Amino acid sequence: MTDRFIHTTIDARFAEDMYKVGYIHVRVNLPVKFMAGAMTPINTELIKLTAETMSDDLAKCSQALQAINALTGLALMIMQQSYQESSIAEELEKFLRISGMSRTLFTNLAKAYNN
């Protein structure tokens, strides 16, 4: 993943890839805290590589570290959003299955409640 961050374009494809990470964490029942926890060693490695390769230019090193912080923060926010949305969708499916309620009825009840 470290190499992915170094050689990536921040675009819709990147966001889609990060979104899939959150979705997959839900599918395998991996707690959300593991996503945040995994970012620590990624950040540590990226900071180390940056310091090693840019130690002769503090201004560029500082800019690179800010970019790394922004990128990993963005990635984590996307993954957490996906995790939350996927968790809610999974819980809704369980509710509909257990209750026997149709999705149409549920949607109509939700619309009536929101009005």
N, C-alpha and C. Protein backbone atom coordinates (compact mmCIF):
# COMPACT_ATOMS: atom_id res chain seq x y z
N MET A 1 0.83 -1.19 0.00
CA MET A 1 0.00 0.00 0.00
C MET A 1 0.87 1.25 0.00
N THR A 2 2.02 1.20 0.64
CA THR A 2 2.91 2.35 0.66
C THR A 2 3.28 2.74 -0.76
N ASP A 3 3.64 1.76 -1.58
CA ASP A 3 4.00 2.03 -2.97
C ASP A 3 2.81 2.64 -3.72
N ARG A 4 1.61 2.19 -3.40
CA ARG A 4 0.38 2.72 -4.03
C ARG A 4 0.26 4.21 -3.77
N PHE A 5 0.57 4.65 -2.55
CA PHE A 5 0.46 6.06 -2.22
C PHE A 5 1.54 6.89 -2.91
N ILE A 6 2.70 6.33 -3.09
CA ILE A 6 3.80 7.08 -3.70
C ILE A 6 3.55 7.31 -5.19
N HIS A 7 3.00 6.32 -5.86
CA HIS A 7 2.84 6.37 -7.31
C HIS A 7 1.37 6.39 -7.71
N THR A 8 0.59 7.30 -7.16
CA THR A 8 -0.83 7.32 -7.49
C THR A 8 -1.28 8.69 -7.95
N THR A 9 -2.35 8.68 -8.66
CA THR A 9 -3.04 9.90 -9.03
C THR A 9 -4.27 9.97 -8.15
N ILE A 10 -4.50 11.12 -7.56
CA ILE A 10 -5.67 11.29 -6.70
C ILE A 10 -6.83 11.66 -7.60
N ASP A 11 -7.64 10.67 -7.89
CA ASP A 11 -8.77 10.86 -8.80
C ASP A 11 -9.92 9.97 -8.37
N ALA A 12 -10.92 9.87 -9.21
CA ALA A 12 -12.09 9.06 -8.88
C ALA A 12 -11.70 7.59 -8.69
N ARG A 13 -10.76 7.11 -9.45
CA ARG A 13 -10.32 5.71 -9.32
C ARG A 13 -9.70 5.47 -7.93
N PHE A 14 -8.89 6.40 -7.48
CA PHE A 14 -8.30 6.30 -6.15
C PHE A 14 -9.41 6.25 -5.10
N ALA A 15 -10.39 7.15 -5.21
CA ALA A 15 -11.49 7.18 -4.25
C ALA A 15 -12.28 5.87 -4.29
N GLU A 16 -12.53 5.34 -5.49
CA GLU A 16 -13.23 4.07 -5.61
C GLU A 16 -12.45 2.93 -4.94
N ASP A 17 -11.15 2.92 -5.14
CA ASP A 17 -10.32 1.88 -4.52
C ASP A 17 -10.35 1.97 -3.00
N MET A 18 -10.26 3.18 -2.46
CA MET A 18 -10.31 3.35 -1.02
C MET A 18 -11.70 2.99 -0.47
N TYR A 19 -12.73 3.30 -1.26
CA TYR A 19 -14.11 2.98 -0.86
C TYR A 19 -14.28 1.47 -0.74
N LYS A 20 -13.67 0.73 -1.66
CA LYS A 20 -13.75 -0.74 -1.63
C LYS A 20 -13.13 -1.31 -0.36
N VAL A 21 -12.10 -0.66 0.14
CA VAL A 21 -11.43 -1.14 1.35
C VAL A 21 -12.42 -1.16 2.52
N GLY A 22 -13.17 -0.07 2.69
CA GLY A 22 -14.16 -0.01 3.76
C GLY A 22 -15.24 -1.07 3.59
N TYR A 23 -15.70 -1.23 2.36
CA TYR A 23 -16.73 -2.23 2.06
C TYR A 23 -16.23 -3.63 2.41
N ILE A 24 -15.02 -3.94 2.01
CA ILE A 24 -14.47 -5.27 2.27
C ILE A 24 -14.28 -5.51 3.77
N HIS A 25 -13.88 -4.49 4.51
CA HIS A 25 -13.76 -4.64 5.96
C HIS A 25 -15.09 -5.05 6.58
N VAL A 26 -16.18 -4.50 6.09
CA VAL A 26 -17.51 -4.87 6.61
C VAL A 26 -17.82 -6.31 6.22
N ARG A 27 -17.55 -6.68 4.97
CA ARG A 27 -17.87 -8.02 4.47
C ARG A 27 -17.14 -9.11 5.26
N VAL A 28 -15.94 -8.81 5.74
CA VAL A 28 -15.17 -9.82 6.48
C VAL A 28 -15.26 -9.61 8.00
N ASN A 29 -16.16 -8.70 8.41
CA ASN A 29 -16.38 -8.40 9.83
C ASN A 29 -15.13 -7.95 10.57
N LEU A 30 -14.32 -7.15 9.91
CA LEU A 30 -13.13 -6.59 10.53
C LEU A 30 -13.49 -5.23 11.12
N PRO A 31 -13.27 -5.02 12.40
CA PRO A 31 -13.66 -3.75 13.03
C PRO A 31 -13.01 -2.54 12.37
N VAL A 32 -13.75 -1.45 12.37
CA VAL A 32 -13.31 -0.21 11.72
C VAL A 32 -11.99 0.30 12.31
N LYS A 33 -11.74 0.02 13.57
CA LYS A 33 -10.51 0.51 14.20
C LYS A 33 -9.25 -0.03 13.52
N PHE A 34 -9.37 -1.16 12.83
CA PHE A 34 -8.21 -1.71 12.15
C PHE A 34 -7.79 -0.86 10.95
N MET A 35 -8.74 -0.17 10.32
CA MET A 35 -8.37 0.71 9.21
C MET A 35 -7.52 1.86 9.73
N ALA A 36 -7.99 2.50 10.79
CA ALA A 36 -7.24 3.61 11.37
C ALA A 36 -5.89 3.12 11.90
N GLY A 37 -5.90 1.97 12.54
CA GLY A 37 -4.66 1.41 13.07
C GLY A 37 -3.65 1.08 11.99
N ALA A 38 -4.13 0.65 10.84
CA ALA A 38 -3.23 0.30 9.74
C ALA A 38 -2.57 1.53 9.13
N MET A 39 -3.20 2.68 9.28
CA MET A 39 -2.62 3.90 8.71
C MET A 39 -1.36 4.33 9.46
N THR A 40 -1.24 3.97 10.72
CA THR A 40 -0.06 4.36 11.50
C THR A 40 1.23 3.81 10.91
N PRO A 41 1.34 2.50 10.67
CA PRO A 41 2.59 2.02 10.07
C PRO A 41 2.80 2.52 8.64
N ILE A 42 1.71 2.75 7.91
CA ILE A 42 1.86 3.30 6.56
C ILE A 42 2.44 4.71 6.65
N ASN A 43 1.86 5.53 7.53
CA ASN A 43 2.39 6.89 7.71
C ASN A 43 3.84 6.86 8.19
N THR A 44 4.14 5.98 9.13
CA THR A 44 5.50 5.87 9.66
C THR A 44 6.49 5.56 8.55
N GLU A 45 6.14 4.61 7.69
CA GLU A 45 7.04 4.23 6.61
C GLU A 45 7.18 5.36 5.59
N LEU A 46 6.07 6.01 5.26
CA LEU A 46 6.14 7.12 4.29
C LEU A 46 6.95 8.29 4.85
N ILE A 47 6.80 8.59 6.13
CA ILE A 47 7.57 9.68 6.75
C ILE A 47 9.05 9.33 6.74
N LYS A 48 9.36 8.09 7.07
CA LYS A 48 10.76 7.64 7.07
C LYS A 48 11.37 7.75 5.68
N LEU A 49 10.66 7.26 4.67
CA LEU A 49 11.16 7.34 3.29
C LEU A 49 11.34 8.78 2.84
N THR A 50 10.41 9.63 3.20
CA THR A 50 10.48 11.04 2.83
C THR A 50 11.67 11.71 3.49
N ALA A 51 11.85 11.47 4.77
CA ALA A 51 12.97 12.07 5.49
C ALA A 51 14.31 11.59 4.93
N GLU A 52 14.38 10.31 4.58
CA GLU A 52 15.62 9.77 4.03
C GLU A 52 15.95 10.34 2.65
N THR A 53 14.94 10.53 1.83
CA THR A 53 15.19 10.96 0.45
C THR A 53 15.18 12.47 0.26
N MET A 54 14.65 13.21 1.23
CA MET A 54 14.55 14.66 1.07
C MET A 54 15.21 15.43 2.21
N SER A 55 16.09 14.78 2.93
CA SER A 55 16.69 15.42 4.10
C SER A 55 17.54 16.65 3.74
N ASP A 56 17.97 16.74 2.50
CA ASP A 56 18.80 17.88 2.10
C ASP A 56 17.98 19.13 1.76
N ASP A 57 16.66 19.01 1.65
CA ASP A 57 15.81 20.15 1.32
C ASP A 57 14.61 20.17 2.27
N LEU A 58 14.74 20.91 3.37
CA LEU A 58 13.69 20.91 4.38
C LEU A 58 12.35 21.45 3.88
N ALA A 59 12.38 22.41 2.98
CA ALA A 59 11.13 22.97 2.45
C ALA A 59 10.37 21.91 1.65
N LYS A 60 11.08 21.20 0.76
CA LYS A 60 10.44 20.15 -0.03
C LYS A 60 10.00 18.99 0.87
N CYS A 61 10.81 18.67 1.84
CA CYS A 61 10.47 17.60 2.78
C CYS A 61 9.19 17.95 3.53
N SER A 62 9.09 19.19 3.98
CA SER A 62 7.90 19.65 4.69
C SER A 62 6.66 19.57 3.79
N GLN A 63 6.80 20.01 2.55
CA GLN A 63 5.68 19.94 1.60
C GLN A 63 5.27 18.49 1.35
N ALA A 64 6.23 17.62 1.19
CA ALA A 64 5.93 16.21 0.94
C ALA A 64 5.22 15.59 2.15
N LEU A 65 5.69 15.92 3.35
CA LEU A 65 5.05 15.38 4.55
C LEU A 65 3.63 15.89 4.70
N GLN A 66 3.38 17.14 4.34
CA GLN A 66 2.02 17.67 4.37
C GLN A 66 1.13 16.94 3.36
N ALA A 67 1.69 16.66 2.19
CA ALA A 67 0.93 15.93 1.16
C ALA A 67 0.62 14.51 1.62
N ILE A 68 1.59 13.87 2.25
CA ILE A 68 1.38 12.52 2.77
C ILE A 68 0.28 12.52 3.82
N ASN A 69 0.34 13.48 4.71
CA ASN A 69 -0.68 13.59 5.75
C ASN A 69 -2.07 13.80 5.14
N ALA A 70 -2.14 14.67 4.14
CA ALA A 70 -3.43 14.93 3.48
C ALA A 70 -3.93 13.69 2.75
N LEU A 71 -3.04 13.01 2.06
CA LEU A 71 -3.43 11.82 1.29
C LEU A 71 -3.90 10.68 2.19
N THR A 72 -3.14 10.40 3.23
CA THR A 72 -3.54 9.30 4.11
C THR A 72 -4.81 9.66 4.89
N GLY A 73 -4.95 10.94 5.23
CA GLY A 73 -6.18 11.38 5.90
C GLY A 73 -7.38 11.23 5.00
N LEU A 74 -7.24 11.63 3.73
CA LEU A 74 -8.32 11.49 2.76
C LEU A 74 -8.68 10.02 2.57
N ALA A 75 -7.67 9.19 2.40
CA ALA A 75 -7.91 7.76 2.21
C ALA A 75 -8.68 7.18 3.39
N LEU A 76 -8.27 7.53 4.59
CA LEU A 76 -8.95 7.02 5.78
C LEU A 76 -10.39 7.51 5.86
N MET A 77 -10.61 8.78 5.53
CA MET A 77 -11.99 9.30 5.56
C MET A 77 -12.88 8.56 4.57
N ILE A 78 -12.38 8.30 3.37
CA ILE A 78 -13.16 7.57 2.37
C ILE A 78 -13.45 6.15 2.86
N MET A 79 -12.44 5.49 3.40
CA MET A 79 -12.63 4.11 3.88
C MET A 79 -13.64 4.07 5.02
N GLN A 80 -13.55 5.03 5.93
CA GLN A 80 -14.49 5.05 7.06
C GLN A 80 -15.91 5.35 6.61
N GLN A 81 -16.07 6.24 5.63
CA GLN A 81 -17.40 6.53 5.09
C GLN A 81 -17.99 5.28 4.47
N SER A 82 -17.20 4.58 3.69
CA SER A 82 -17.65 3.35 3.06
C SER A 82 -18.01 2.31 4.11
N TYR A 83 -17.18 2.21 5.14
CA TYR A 83 -17.44 1.24 6.21
C TYR A 83 -18.79 1.53 6.85
N GLN A 84 -19.03 2.79 7.15
CA GLN A 84 -20.29 3.16 7.80
C GLN A 84 -21.48 2.87 6.89
N GLU A 85 -21.39 3.27 5.64
CA GLU A 85 -22.49 3.04 4.70
C GLU A 85 -22.73 1.54 4.48
N SER A 86 -21.65 0.78 4.36
CA SER A 86 -21.78 -0.67 4.15
C SER A 86 -22.36 -1.35 5.38
N SER A 87 -21.97 -0.89 6.56
CA SER A 87 -22.51 -1.46 7.80
C SER A 87 -24.01 -1.22 7.91
N ILE A 88 -24.43 0.01 7.60
CA ILE A 88 -25.85 0.34 7.66
C ILE A 88 -26.63 -0.49 6.65
N ALA A 89 -26.11 -0.62 5.44
CA ALA A 89 -26.79 -1.41 4.41
C ALA A 89 -26.90 -2.87 4.82
N GLU A 90 -25.84 -3.39 5.42
CA GLU A 90 -25.86 -4.79 5.88
C GLU A 90 -26.88 -4.99 6.99
N GLU A 91 -26.93 -4.05 7.92
CA GLU A 91 -27.91 -4.14 9.01
C GLU A 91 -29.34 -4.04 8.48
N LEU A 92 -29.56 -3.19 7.49
CA LEU A 92 -30.88 -3.07 6.90
C LEU A 92 -31.29 -4.38 6.25
N GLU A 93 -30.38 -5.00 5.53
CA GLU A 93 -30.68 -6.29 4.90
C GLU A 93 -31.05 -7.34 5.95
N LYS A 94 -30.32 -7.37 7.05
CA LYS A 94 -30.64 -8.31 8.13
C LYS A 94 -32.03 -8.02 8.69
N PHE A 95 -32.34 -6.74 8.91
CA PHE A 95 -33.65 -6.36 9.44
C PHE A 95 -34.76 -6.81 8.50
N LEU A 96 -34.59 -6.54 7.20
CA LEU A 96 -35.62 -6.91 6.23
C LEU A 96 -35.81 -8.42 6.18
N ARG A 97 -34.73 -9.14 6.25
CA ARG A 97 -34.79 -10.61 6.21
C ARG A 97 -35.50 -11.15 7.45
N ILE A 98 -35.12 -10.63 8.63
CA ILE A 98 -35.70 -11.11 9.89
C ILE A 98 -37.16 -10.72 10.01
N SER A 99 -37.49 -9.49 9.64
CA SER A 99 -38.85 -8.99 9.81
C SER A 99 -39.79 -9.46 8.71
N GLY A 100 -39.25 -9.84 7.57
CA GLY A 100 -40.09 -10.22 6.44
C GLY A 100 -40.66 -9.01 5.71
N MET A 101 -40.23 -7.83 6.09
CA MET A 101 -40.72 -6.59 5.47
C MET A 101 -40.08 -6.44 4.09
N SER A 102 -40.88 -6.00 3.13
CA SER A 102 -40.33 -5.77 1.80
C SER A 102 -39.55 -4.46 1.78
N ARG A 103 -38.65 -4.35 0.85
CA ARG A 103 -37.87 -3.12 0.71
C ARG A 103 -38.80 -1.97 0.33
N THR A 104 -39.80 -2.25 -0.48
CA THR A 104 -40.75 -1.21 -0.89
C THR A 104 -41.49 -0.66 0.32
N LEU A 105 -41.99 -1.54 1.17
CA LEU A 105 -42.69 -1.09 2.38
C LEU A 105 -41.75 -0.27 3.26
N PHE A 106 -40.55 -0.77 3.45
CA PHE A 106 -39.59 -0.05 4.28
C PHE A 106 -39.31 1.34 3.71
N THR A 107 -39.10 1.41 2.40
CA THR A 107 -38.81 2.69 1.74
C THR A 107 -39.98 3.66 1.91
N ASN A 108 -41.21 3.16 1.73
CA ASN A 108 -42.39 4.00 1.91
C ASN A 108 -42.53 4.48 3.35
N LEU A 109 -42.27 3.62 4.31
CA LEU A 109 -42.31 4.03 5.71
C LEU A 109 -41.24 5.07 6.01
N ALA A 110 -40.05 4.89 5.46
CA ALA A 110 -38.97 5.86 5.67
C ALA A 110 -39.33 7.21 5.06
N LYS A 111 -39.92 7.19 3.87
CA LYS A 111 -40.34 8.45 3.23
C LYS A 111 -41.40 9.13 4.07
N ALA A 112 -42.37 8.39 4.57
CA ALA A 112 -43.45 8.96 5.39
C ALA A 112 -42.88 9.54 6.68
N TYR A 113 -41.90 8.86 7.26
CA TYR A 113 -41.28 9.34 8.50
C TYR A 113 -40.51 10.63 8.26
N ASN A 114 -39.85 10.74 7.12
CA ASN A 114 -39.04 11.92 6.81
C ASN A 114 -39.87 13.13 6.43
N ASN A 115 -41.14 12.93 6.09
CA ASN A 115 -41.99 14.06 5.72
C ASN A 115 -42.62 14.64 6.91
